[in-house]
């Protein structure tokens, strides 16, 4: 719940910054160095990614640190087409994972990192072209692949001091990835811009089953926990060519 509140606050900050910039644009004269036409862009960014759904993923995995890189083409002054590749890894939360396993004698958990790679085509709608401070909205569709390292659990029962150890696995999943983004970009000069954005990602494959990594030795595997949802806040640099 605390992480969801943080996500909402961060998203609200991005939206409010975009709204404030729009309100001020009527008072800002167009920058002459932004009148030079640019058709191609290269961009790269990094930030934080928060697991949101399914519930086991949200509770038992830590915040990740995604990175992205992409290229874009300006179709019109108010619309860009982009191709983006992104990567993020989520490590298992030791305390919450032990609680989820429910095995009283768990002493150690090793592995269980969940990695998501995505390749997306996006369309970006720019609110006020040619101005220095510029809010935008972006929609993306593409392909994702999510896999996990094996997770090894060690421990002993209270009435049996003998150390036990077993390894759980999660099947890799892939499919359609959908992005909804709001953000703002700021032109530093004719060629360089910075950006900040909040993105909600839905990786659509109900076979995503992080719960299979947290099974007691004799528990039955799940066919899937539901689609993988991630909330991301990123900052980055954009180069116009």
Foldseek 3Di string as FASTA:
>chain_A
DVVVVVLVVVQVVFVVVQVVVVVCVVVDDFDPLLVPDFFKKKKKKKFKKAWDDDPCRRQFWDIKIKIKIKMWGDPDLFKIKIKMKMKIKIHTDFVRLCVLQVQVFWDDKDWWIKMKIWIKIKMKGWDDGRHFKTKIKMKIKTKMKMATDKMKTWGDHPVGRDIDIDIFGADMDMDMKIKIKIWMKGDPGSFKIKIKMKIKMWGFDQQGASSRNRYDPPDDGDSGRGIIIMITIMMMMMTTD
